[in-house]
Amino acid sequence: MEKRLGTISILISDPKIVPKVNQLLSEVSLLILARQGLPLREHNLNFISLIIEGNTDQISALTGKLGRLPDVEVKSMLSKIKISY
């Protein structure tokens, strides 16, 4: 199965949805190599950036679930390099 490395950027504009985002990320924790969060309370925003490794179906499923949440914006970028295991 081929895997890809990439990043996912998440922008949350309602702090009430943060627990749901964290729950989704916990469910796919095996895909996440690194995570950085930045709360900007004065702007009522939260940024989360992820470094991920997984197949395109797994990554698409995650970004789709996140993108369907209210007040959440998601962007992903995958490397062109495919990793075979």
N, C-alpha and C. Protein backbone atom coordinates (compact mmCIF):
# COMPACT_ATOMS: atom_id res chain seq x y z
N MET A 1 0.84 -1.18 0.00
CA MET A 1 0.00 0.00 0.00
C MET A 1 0.89 1.24 0.00
N GLU A 2 0.56 2.19 -0.84
CA GLU A 2 1.34 3.41 -0.92
C GLU A 2 0.83 4.46 0.06
N LYS A 3 1.77 5.11 0.71
CA LYS A 3 1.43 6.20 1.62
C LYS A 3 2.05 7.48 1.10
N ARG A 4 1.52 8.59 1.59
CA ARG A 4 2.04 9.90 1.21
C ARG A 4 2.29 10.71 2.47
N LEU A 5 3.27 11.59 2.40
CA LEU A 5 3.53 12.56 3.47
C LEU A 5 2.89 13.87 3.07
N GLY A 6 2.44 14.62 4.06
CA GLY A 6 1.84 15.91 3.76
C GLY A 6 1.54 16.71 5.00
N THR A 7 0.83 17.80 4.76
CA THR A 7 0.42 18.67 5.86
C THR A 7 -1.09 18.92 5.76
N ILE A 8 -1.68 19.18 6.91
CA ILE A 8 -3.07 19.63 6.98
C ILE A 8 -3.07 20.86 7.88
N SER A 9 -3.67 21.93 7.38
CA SER A 9 -3.84 23.15 8.17
C SER A 9 -5.31 23.30 8.50
N ILE A 10 -5.58 23.57 9.77
CA ILE A 10 -6.95 23.68 10.25
C ILE A 10 -7.13 25.03 10.93
N LEU A 11 -8.15 25.76 10.52
CA LEU A 11 -8.50 27.05 11.12
C LEU A 11 -9.88 26.91 11.74
N ILE A 12 -9.96 27.17 13.04
CA ILE A 12 -11.22 27.03 13.78
C ILE A 12 -11.63 28.41 14.27
N SER A 13 -12.84 28.83 13.88
CA SER A 13 -13.30 30.17 14.26
C SER A 13 -14.34 30.17 15.38
N ASP A 14 -14.64 29.01 15.94
CA ASP A 14 -15.53 28.93 17.10
C ASP A 14 -14.91 27.95 18.10
N PRO A 15 -14.46 28.46 19.25
CA PRO A 15 -13.78 27.58 20.22
C PRO A 15 -14.64 26.41 20.71
N LYS A 16 -15.94 26.51 20.58
CA LYS A 16 -16.82 25.43 21.04
C LYS A 16 -16.65 24.16 20.22
N ILE A 17 -16.12 24.27 19.01
CA ILE A 17 -15.97 23.11 18.15
C ILE A 17 -14.62 22.41 18.35
N VAL A 18 -13.72 23.02 19.10
CA VAL A 18 -12.38 22.46 19.31
C VAL A 18 -12.43 21.03 19.88
N PRO A 19 -13.27 20.73 20.86
CA PRO A 19 -13.31 19.34 21.36
C PRO A 19 -13.67 18.32 20.28
N LYS A 20 -14.56 18.68 19.36
CA LYS A 20 -14.92 17.76 18.28
C LYS A 20 -13.74 17.56 17.33
N VAL A 21 -13.01 18.64 17.03
CA VAL A 21 -11.82 18.52 16.19
C VAL A 21 -10.80 17.61 16.87
N ASN A 22 -10.57 17.83 18.16
CA ASN A 22 -9.61 16.99 18.89
C ASN A 22 -10.04 15.53 18.91
N GLN A 23 -11.34 15.28 19.01
CA GLN A 23 -11.84 13.90 18.99
C GLN A 23 -11.54 13.24 17.65
N LEU A 24 -11.80 13.96 16.55
CA LEU A 24 -11.51 13.41 15.23
C LEU A 24 -10.01 13.14 15.05
N LEU A 25 -9.18 14.06 15.53
CA LEU A 25 -7.74 13.87 15.41
C LEU A 25 -7.26 12.69 16.25
N SER A 26 -7.86 12.50 17.40
CA SER A 26 -7.49 11.36 18.25
C SER A 26 -7.83 10.04 17.57
N GLU A 27 -8.93 10.02 16.82
CA GLU A 27 -9.35 8.80 16.14
C GLU A 27 -8.37 8.38 15.04
N VAL A 28 -7.62 9.34 14.51
CA VAL A 28 -6.67 9.03 13.43
C VAL A 28 -5.24 9.34 13.87
N SER A 29 -4.98 9.20 15.14
CA SER A 29 -3.67 9.60 15.69
C SER A 29 -2.51 8.86 15.03
N LEU A 30 -2.75 7.68 14.49
CA LEU A 30 -1.66 6.94 13.84
C LEU A 30 -1.19 7.61 12.55
N LEU A 31 -2.01 8.47 11.97
CA LEU A 31 -1.62 9.21 10.76
C LEU A 31 -0.77 10.43 11.08
N ILE A 32 -0.85 10.92 12.30
CA ILE A 32 -0.25 12.21 12.67
C ILE A 32 1.18 12.00 13.18
N LEU A 33 2.14 12.58 12.46
CA LEU A 33 3.53 12.52 12.87
C LEU A 33 3.89 13.67 13.80
N ALA A 34 3.27 14.84 13.57
CA ALA A 34 3.54 16.02 14.39
C ALA A 34 2.29 16.91 14.38
N ARG A 35 2.13 17.64 15.47
CA ARG A 35 0.98 18.52 15.61
C ARG A 35 1.41 19.78 16.35
N GLN A 36 0.95 20.92 15.84
CA GLN A 36 1.21 22.19 16.51
C GLN A 36 -0.08 22.99 16.54
N GLY A 37 -0.42 23.50 17.70
CA GLY A 37 -1.61 24.31 17.83
C GLY A 37 -1.27 25.71 18.29
N LEU A 38 -2.05 26.67 17.82
CA LEU A 38 -1.84 28.06 18.19
C LEU A 38 -3.19 28.71 18.45
N PRO A 39 -3.55 28.91 19.72
CA PRO A 39 -4.80 29.62 20.02
C PRO A 39 -4.57 31.13 19.95
N LEU A 40 -5.39 31.81 19.20
CA LEU A 40 -5.34 33.28 19.12
C LEU A 40 -6.63 33.80 19.76
N ARG A 41 -6.64 33.81 21.07
CA ARG A 41 -7.85 34.13 21.81
C ARG A 41 -8.37 35.54 21.53
N GLU A 42 -7.45 36.48 21.32
CA GLU A 42 -7.88 37.86 21.07
C GLU A 42 -8.64 37.98 19.74
N HIS A 43 -8.45 37.02 18.83
CA HIS A 43 -9.16 37.00 17.55
C HIS A 43 -10.22 35.90 17.50
N ASN A 44 -10.35 35.16 18.58
CA ASN A 44 -11.31 34.05 18.66
C ASN A 44 -11.04 33.00 17.57
N LEU A 45 -9.76 32.72 17.34
CA LEU A 45 -9.34 31.74 16.33
C LEU A 45 -8.38 30.73 16.94
N ASN A 46 -8.38 29.54 16.35
CA ASN A 46 -7.43 28.50 16.71
C ASN A 46 -6.86 27.91 15.43
N PHE A 47 -5.53 27.80 15.36
CA PHE A 47 -4.86 27.16 14.23
C PHE A 47 -4.26 25.85 14.71
N ILE A 48 -4.40 24.83 13.88
CA ILE A 48 -3.73 23.55 14.13
C ILE A 48 -3.05 23.15 12.83
N SER A 49 -1.78 22.81 12.92
CA SER A 49 -1.08 22.31 11.74
C SER A 49 -0.59 20.90 12.05
N LEU A 50 -0.74 20.03 11.06
CA LEU A 50 -0.39 18.62 11.21
C LEU A 50 0.60 18.21 10.13
N ILE A 51 1.53 17.35 10.49
CA ILE A 51 2.35 16.62 9.52
C ILE A 51 1.80 15.20 9.55
N ILE A 52 1.42 14.69 8.39
CA ILE A 52 0.72 13.41 8.35
C ILE A 52 1.40 12.43 7.39
N GLU A 53 1.12 11.15 7.62
CA GLU A 53 1.56 10.08 6.73
C GLU A 53 0.44 9.06 6.65
N GLY A 54 -0.07 8.85 5.45
CA GLY A 54 -1.16 7.89 5.27
C GLY A 54 -1.49 7.75 3.81
N ASN A 55 -2.40 6.84 3.50
CA ASN A 55 -2.80 6.72 2.11
C ASN A 55 -3.82 7.81 1.78
N THR A 56 -4.03 8.05 0.52
CA THR A 56 -4.88 9.17 0.11
C THR A 56 -6.32 9.02 0.60
N ASP A 57 -6.81 7.80 0.71
CA ASP A 57 -8.17 7.59 1.21
C ASP A 57 -8.28 8.01 2.68
N GLN A 58 -7.30 7.64 3.48
CA GLN A 58 -7.31 8.01 4.90
C GLN A 58 -7.25 9.53 5.07
N ILE A 59 -6.37 10.16 4.32
CA ILE A 59 -6.18 11.60 4.44
C ILE A 59 -7.42 12.35 3.95
N SER A 60 -7.98 11.89 2.84
CA SER A 60 -9.20 12.52 2.32
C SER A 60 -10.37 12.37 3.28
N ALA A 61 -10.47 11.21 3.90
CA ALA A 61 -11.55 10.99 4.86
C ALA A 61 -11.42 11.95 6.04
N LEU A 62 -10.19 12.14 6.52
CA LEU A 62 -9.98 13.04 7.65
C LEU A 62 -10.31 14.48 7.27
N THR A 63 -9.78 14.95 6.14
CA THR A 63 -10.04 16.34 5.75
C THR A 63 -11.52 16.55 5.46
N GLY A 64 -12.18 15.55 4.93
CA GLY A 64 -13.62 15.66 4.67
C GLY A 64 -14.42 15.80 5.96
N LYS A 65 -14.10 14.97 6.94
CA LYS A 65 -14.81 15.05 8.23
C LYS A 65 -14.56 16.39 8.91
N LEU A 66 -13.32 16.85 8.87
CA LEU A 66 -13.01 18.14 9.48
C LEU A 66 -13.71 19.29 8.74
N GLY A 67 -13.69 19.24 7.42
CA GLY A 67 -14.27 20.30 6.62
C GLY A 67 -15.78 20.41 6.74
N ARG A 68 -16.44 19.32 7.14
CA ARG A 68 -17.89 19.35 7.33
C ARG A 68 -18.31 19.94 8.67
N LEU A 69 -17.35 20.12 9.57
CA LEU A 69 -17.69 20.72 10.87
C LEU A 69 -17.96 22.22 10.68
N PRO A 70 -18.93 22.75 11.43
CA PRO A 70 -19.18 24.18 11.32
C PRO A 70 -18.00 24.99 11.86
N ASP A 71 -17.72 26.12 11.23
CA ASP A 71 -16.68 27.05 11.68
C ASP A 71 -15.27 26.46 11.61
N VAL A 72 -15.07 25.48 10.72
CA VAL A 72 -13.75 24.86 10.53
C VAL A 72 -13.38 24.95 9.06
N GLU A 73 -12.18 25.45 8.78
CA GLU A 73 -11.63 25.48 7.41
C GLU A 73 -10.40 24.57 7.38
N VAL A 74 -10.27 23.81 6.31
CA VAL A 74 -9.19 22.82 6.22
C VAL A 74 -8.52 22.91 4.85
N LYS A 75 -7.20 22.86 4.85
CA LYS A 75 -6.43 22.77 3.61
C LYS A 75 -5.38 21.69 3.80
N SER A 76 -5.16 20.90 2.76
CA SER A 76 -4.13 19.87 2.83
C SER A 76 -3.22 19.96 1.62
N MET A 77 -2.02 19.47 1.81
CA MET A 77 -1.04 19.41 0.74
C MET A 77 -0.27 18.09 0.92
N LEU A 78 -0.22 17.30 -0.14
CA LEU A 78 0.47 16.03 -0.09
C LEU A 78 1.69 16.07 -1.00
N SER A 79 2.72 15.37 -0.57
CA SER A 79 3.92 15.28 -1.40
C SER A 79 3.63 14.42 -2.63
N LYS A 80 4.39 14.64 -3.66
CA LYS A 80 4.26 13.81 -4.87
C LYS A 80 4.97 12.47 -4.68
N ILE A 81 5.82 12.42 -3.68
CA ILE A 81 6.59 11.21 -3.41
C ILE A 81 5.67 10.18 -2.73
N LYS A 82 5.65 8.97 -3.27
CA LYS A 82 4.86 7.90 -2.69
C LYS A 82 5.77 6.95 -1.95
N ILE A 83 5.34 6.55 -0.77
CA ILE A 83 6.12 5.66 0.07
C ILE A 83 5.44 4.30 0.08
N SER A 84 6.16 3.26 -0.29
CA SER A 84 5.60 1.91 -0.32
C SER A 84 6.05 1.15 0.92
N TYR A 85 5.11 0.42 1.51
CA TYR A 85 5.43 -0.43 2.67
C TYR A 85 5.06 -1.84 2.39
